[in-house]
Each structure stands twice: as C-alpha cells, then as structure tokens.
Amino acid sequence: MNIIARLIGGASPFDTLSQHLQKVMECVDLVIPILHAALEGDTVRAKEIAEQIFALEQEADEIKIELRDSLPKAKMLPVARPD
C-alpha cells in the first residue's frame, strides 16, 4: 500500500483527480476552435463545439463528484478538502 493510501485510509484520490484534469484539458483544447468559429461567423460550428464543451464539463463534474464522495471526511488529507 502506498503512503497516500495509508494516510487517507483507501485508494489514492490522484488517479481520479488525473481523470478530472484530462476532461478539463479536453475542454481547454476546444477554446481556440470555438473562438475561431465565432470570429469567422460560423455559428453552426460554434454551437457544435459549445455542445461538446458542455458534455465534457458534465463528465468532468461527474468525476469531481465521484472524487469528493470518495474522500474521507474525518481524516487528514495531504490536500485541503473545501467542504
């Protein structure tokens, strides 16, 4: 068992945190394309990209909720839990 797991009494939250970060980066990768579409007046493409971003944000939020629910509330964590 690794040190993080021993400290928080379970699996490391950093795998789930990494999954969340990946979804966030997928959203960030769509910022330039949506800006280009908007500047070119391509509202259809901009709307398609916006829908992709909204779907990715939803997935990221679900991962974040899973992460928060998996963290113990009574133990000291190596990172702050703001709830």
N, C-alpha and C. Protein backbone atom coordinates (compact mmCIF):
# COMPACT_ATOMS: atom_id res chain seq x y z
N MET A 1 0.86 -1.18 0.00
CA MET A 1 0.00 0.00 0.00
C MET A 1 0.90 1.24 0.00
N ASN A 2 0.58 2.20 -0.83
CA ASN A 2 1.42 3.39 -0.90
C ASN A 2 1.13 4.35 0.26
N ILE A 3 1.97 5.32 0.42
CA ILE A 3 1.87 6.25 1.55
C ILE A 3 0.57 7.05 1.53
N ILE A 4 0.11 7.45 0.34
CA ILE A 4 -1.14 8.21 0.25
C ILE A 4 -2.30 7.36 0.74
N ALA A 5 -2.35 6.13 0.30
CA ALA A 5 -3.43 5.23 0.71
C ALA A 5 -3.41 5.02 2.21
N ARG A 6 -2.24 4.89 2.78
CA ARG A 6 -2.16 4.72 4.25
C ARG A 6 -2.61 5.98 4.97
N LEU A 7 -2.26 7.15 4.44
CA LEU A 7 -2.64 8.40 5.10
C LEU A 7 -4.15 8.65 5.08
N ILE A 8 -4.80 8.33 3.97
CA ILE A 8 -6.22 8.65 3.86
C ILE A 8 -7.12 7.44 4.04
N GLY A 9 -6.53 6.27 4.21
CA GLY A 9 -7.32 5.09 4.52
C GLY A 9 -8.04 4.48 3.34
N GLY A 10 -7.47 4.55 2.17
CA GLY A 10 -8.11 3.97 0.98
C GLY A 10 -7.25 4.20 -0.23
N ALA A 11 -7.86 4.06 -1.38
CA ALA A 11 -7.14 4.27 -2.63
C ALA A 11 -6.77 5.75 -2.79
N SER A 12 -5.70 5.99 -3.48
CA SER A 12 -5.26 7.35 -3.73
C SER A 12 -6.28 8.11 -4.58
N PRO A 13 -6.61 9.34 -4.21
CA PRO A 13 -7.55 10.13 -5.00
C PRO A 13 -6.92 10.71 -6.26
N PHE A 14 -5.62 10.56 -6.42
CA PHE A 14 -4.94 11.23 -7.51
C PHE A 14 -5.21 10.61 -8.88
N ASP A 15 -5.59 9.33 -8.92
CA ASP A 15 -5.98 8.74 -10.21
C ASP A 15 -7.26 9.41 -10.71
N THR A 16 -8.23 9.55 -9.82
CA THR A 16 -9.49 10.20 -10.18
C THR A 16 -9.26 11.67 -10.50
N LEU A 17 -8.40 12.31 -9.73
CA LEU A 17 -8.07 13.71 -10.00
C LEU A 17 -7.43 13.86 -11.38
N SER A 18 -6.61 12.90 -11.75
CA SER A 18 -5.99 12.92 -13.08
C SER A 18 -7.04 12.77 -14.18
N GLN A 19 -8.04 11.92 -13.95
CA GLN A 19 -9.13 11.77 -14.92
C GLN A 19 -9.89 13.08 -15.07
N HIS A 20 -10.12 13.76 -13.95
CA HIS A 20 -10.81 15.05 -13.99
C HIS A 20 -10.00 16.07 -14.78
N LEU A 21 -8.72 16.11 -14.51
CA LEU A 21 -7.84 17.04 -15.22
C LEU A 21 -7.85 16.76 -16.72
N GLN A 22 -7.89 15.50 -17.11
CA GLN A 22 -7.93 15.14 -18.53
C GLN A 22 -9.18 15.71 -19.19
N LYS A 23 -10.33 15.60 -18.52
CA LYS A 23 -11.58 16.15 -19.08
C LYS A 23 -11.50 17.67 -19.19
N VAL A 24 -10.92 18.29 -18.18
CA VAL A 24 -10.77 19.75 -18.21
C VAL A 24 -9.88 20.16 -19.38
N MET A 25 -8.80 19.42 -19.60
CA MET A 25 -7.90 19.74 -20.71
C MET A 25 -8.58 19.53 -22.05
N GLU A 26 -9.47 18.55 -22.15
CA GLU A 26 -10.23 18.37 -23.39
C GLU A 26 -11.10 19.60 -23.65
N CYS A 27 -11.66 20.19 -22.60
CA CYS A 27 -12.44 21.42 -22.75
C CYS A 27 -11.54 22.57 -23.20
N VAL A 28 -10.40 22.69 -22.56
CA VAL A 28 -9.47 23.77 -22.88
C VAL A 28 -9.02 23.67 -24.34
N ASP A 29 -8.82 22.43 -24.81
CA ASP A 29 -8.39 22.24 -26.20
C ASP A 29 -9.43 22.73 -27.21
N LEU A 30 -10.68 22.89 -26.77
CA LEU A 30 -11.74 23.35 -27.67
C LEU A 30 -11.94 24.87 -27.64
N VAL A 31 -11.22 25.57 -26.79
CA VAL A 31 -11.39 27.03 -26.68
C VAL A 31 -10.98 27.72 -27.99
N ILE A 32 -9.80 27.40 -28.50
CA ILE A 32 -9.32 28.04 -29.74
C ILE A 32 -10.27 27.74 -30.90
N PRO A 33 -10.66 26.47 -31.11
CA PRO A 33 -11.59 26.20 -32.22
C PRO A 33 -12.93 26.94 -32.09
N ILE A 34 -13.47 27.06 -30.89
CA ILE A 34 -14.75 27.76 -30.76
C ILE A 34 -14.57 29.26 -31.01
N LEU A 35 -13.44 29.80 -30.61
CA LEU A 35 -13.17 31.21 -30.87
C LEU A 35 -13.01 31.46 -32.37
N HIS A 36 -12.29 30.57 -33.04
CA HIS A 36 -12.14 30.71 -34.50
C HIS A 36 -13.50 30.66 -35.19
N ALA A 37 -14.32 29.69 -34.79
CA ALA A 37 -15.65 29.56 -35.40
C ALA A 37 -16.48 30.82 -35.16
N ALA A 38 -16.42 31.34 -33.96
CA ALA A 38 -17.19 32.55 -33.64
C ALA A 38 -16.69 33.75 -34.44
N LEU A 39 -15.37 33.91 -34.52
CA LEU A 39 -14.80 35.04 -35.25
C LEU A 39 -15.08 34.94 -36.75
N GLU A 40 -15.19 33.73 -37.26
CA GLU A 40 -15.49 33.53 -38.68
C GLU A 40 -16.98 33.60 -38.96
N GLY A 41 -17.78 33.73 -37.91
CA GLY A 41 -19.22 33.81 -38.07
C GLY A 41 -19.88 32.47 -38.34
N ASP A 42 -19.16 31.39 -38.08
CA ASP A 42 -19.69 30.04 -38.29
C ASP A 42 -20.45 29.61 -37.04
N THR A 43 -21.67 30.08 -36.95
CA THR A 43 -22.46 29.81 -35.73
C THR A 43 -22.82 28.34 -35.58
N VAL A 44 -22.98 27.65 -36.69
CA VAL A 44 -23.30 26.21 -36.61
C VAL A 44 -22.13 25.47 -35.96
N ARG A 45 -20.92 25.74 -36.46
CA ARG A 45 -19.72 25.08 -35.90
C ARG A 45 -19.51 25.50 -34.44
N ALA A 46 -19.70 26.78 -34.14
CA ALA A 46 -19.53 27.26 -32.77
C ALA A 46 -20.51 26.55 -31.83
N LYS A 47 -21.75 26.36 -32.29
CA LYS A 47 -22.74 25.67 -31.46
C LYS A 47 -22.34 24.21 -31.26
N GLU A 48 -21.85 23.55 -32.29
CA GLU A 48 -21.41 22.15 -32.17
C GLU A 48 -20.29 22.03 -31.14
N ILE A 49 -19.33 22.93 -31.22
CA ILE A 49 -18.21 22.90 -30.27
C ILE A 49 -18.70 23.21 -28.87
N ALA A 50 -19.61 24.17 -28.74
CA ALA A 50 -20.16 24.50 -27.42
C ALA A 50 -20.84 23.29 -26.80
N GLU A 51 -21.56 22.53 -27.62
CA GLU A 51 -22.22 21.33 -27.11
C GLU A 51 -21.19 20.29 -26.66
N GLN A 52 -20.09 20.18 -27.40
CA GLN A 52 -19.00 19.28 -26.98
C GLN A 52 -18.43 19.72 -25.63
N ILE A 53 -18.21 21.02 -25.50
CA ILE A 53 -17.66 21.56 -24.25
C ILE A 53 -18.62 21.29 -23.10
N PHE A 54 -19.91 21.54 -23.31
CA PHE A 54 -20.89 21.31 -22.24
C PHE A 54 -20.90 19.83 -21.82
N ALA A 55 -20.81 18.92 -22.79
CA ALA A 55 -20.80 17.49 -22.48
C ALA A 55 -19.54 17.11 -21.69
N LEU A 56 -18.40 17.65 -22.10
CA LEU A 56 -17.15 17.37 -21.38
C LEU A 56 -17.17 17.95 -19.98
N GLU A 57 -17.75 19.16 -19.83
CA GLU A 57 -17.88 19.76 -18.50
C GLU A 57 -18.75 18.90 -17.59
N GLN A 58 -19.81 18.35 -18.15
CA GLN A 58 -20.68 17.46 -17.37
C GLN A 58 -19.91 16.23 -16.91
N GLU A 59 -19.14 15.64 -17.82
CA GLU A 59 -18.33 14.48 -17.46
C GLU A 59 -17.32 14.84 -16.37
N ALA A 60 -16.69 16.01 -16.51
CA ALA A 60 -15.73 16.46 -15.50
C ALA A 60 -16.41 16.67 -14.15
N ASP A 61 -17.61 17.23 -14.16
CA ASP A 61 -18.35 17.43 -12.92
C ASP A 61 -18.70 16.10 -12.26
N GLU A 62 -19.07 15.11 -13.06
CA GLU A 62 -19.39 13.79 -12.51
C GLU A 62 -18.16 13.15 -11.86
N ILE A 63 -17.01 13.30 -12.50
CA ILE A 63 -15.77 12.79 -11.93
C ILE A 63 -15.44 13.53 -10.64
N LYS A 64 -15.64 14.84 -10.63
CA LYS A 64 -15.37 15.64 -9.44
C LYS A 64 -16.25 15.20 -8.27
N ILE A 65 -17.51 14.95 -8.56
CA ILE A 65 -18.44 14.50 -7.51
C ILE A 65 -18.00 13.13 -6.99
N GLU A 66 -17.62 12.24 -7.90
CA GLU A 66 -17.12 10.92 -7.51
C GLU A 66 -15.90 11.06 -6.61
N LEU A 67 -15.01 11.97 -6.98
CA LEU A 67 -13.80 12.21 -6.19
C LEU A 67 -14.16 12.72 -4.80
N ARG A 68 -15.02 13.72 -4.73
CA ARG A 68 -15.41 14.27 -3.43
C ARG A 68 -16.09 13.23 -2.55
N ASP A 69 -16.94 12.41 -3.17
CA ASP A 69 -17.65 11.39 -2.40
C ASP A 69 -16.72 10.29 -1.89
N SER A 70 -15.61 10.08 -2.58
CA SER A 70 -14.70 9.01 -2.19
C SER A 70 -13.70 9.45 -1.12
N LEU A 71 -13.59 10.75 -0.89
CA LEU A 71 -12.63 11.22 0.11
C LEU A 71 -13.21 11.10 1.51
N PRO A 72 -12.42 10.59 2.43
CA PRO A 72 -12.91 10.51 3.81
C PRO A 72 -13.03 11.91 4.41
N LYS A 73 -14.05 12.10 5.20
CA LYS A 73 -14.28 13.42 5.79
C LYS A 73 -13.59 13.57 7.13
N ALA A 74 -13.32 12.47 7.80
CA ALA A 74 -12.80 12.54 9.16
C ALA A 74 -11.29 12.46 9.23
N LYS A 75 -10.61 12.18 8.14
CA LYS A 75 -9.16 12.02 8.19
C LYS A 75 -8.45 13.20 7.58
N MET A 76 -7.22 13.37 8.03
CA MET A 76 -6.39 14.44 7.47
C MET A 76 -5.95 14.02 6.07
N LEU A 77 -6.11 14.92 5.13
CA LEU A 77 -5.71 14.66 3.75
C LEU A 77 -4.46 15.44 3.41
N PRO A 78 -3.68 14.93 2.44
CA PRO A 78 -2.48 15.66 2.04
C PRO A 78 -2.80 16.93 1.25
N VAL A 79 -4.06 17.09 0.82
CA VAL A 79 -4.51 18.31 0.17
C VAL A 79 -5.81 18.74 0.85
N ALA A 80 -6.11 20.02 0.84
CA ALA A 80 -7.29 20.54 1.51
C ALA A 80 -8.57 20.09 0.83
N ARG A 81 -9.60 19.84 1.62
CA ARG A 81 -10.92 19.49 1.10
C ARG A 81 -11.87 20.60 1.52
N PRO A 82 -12.27 21.46 0.57
CA PRO A 82 -13.08 22.65 0.91
C PRO A 82 -14.57 22.40 1.01
N ASP A 83 -15.00 21.50 1.86
CA ASP A 83 -16.44 21.33 2.04
C ASP A 83 -16.71 21.31 3.49
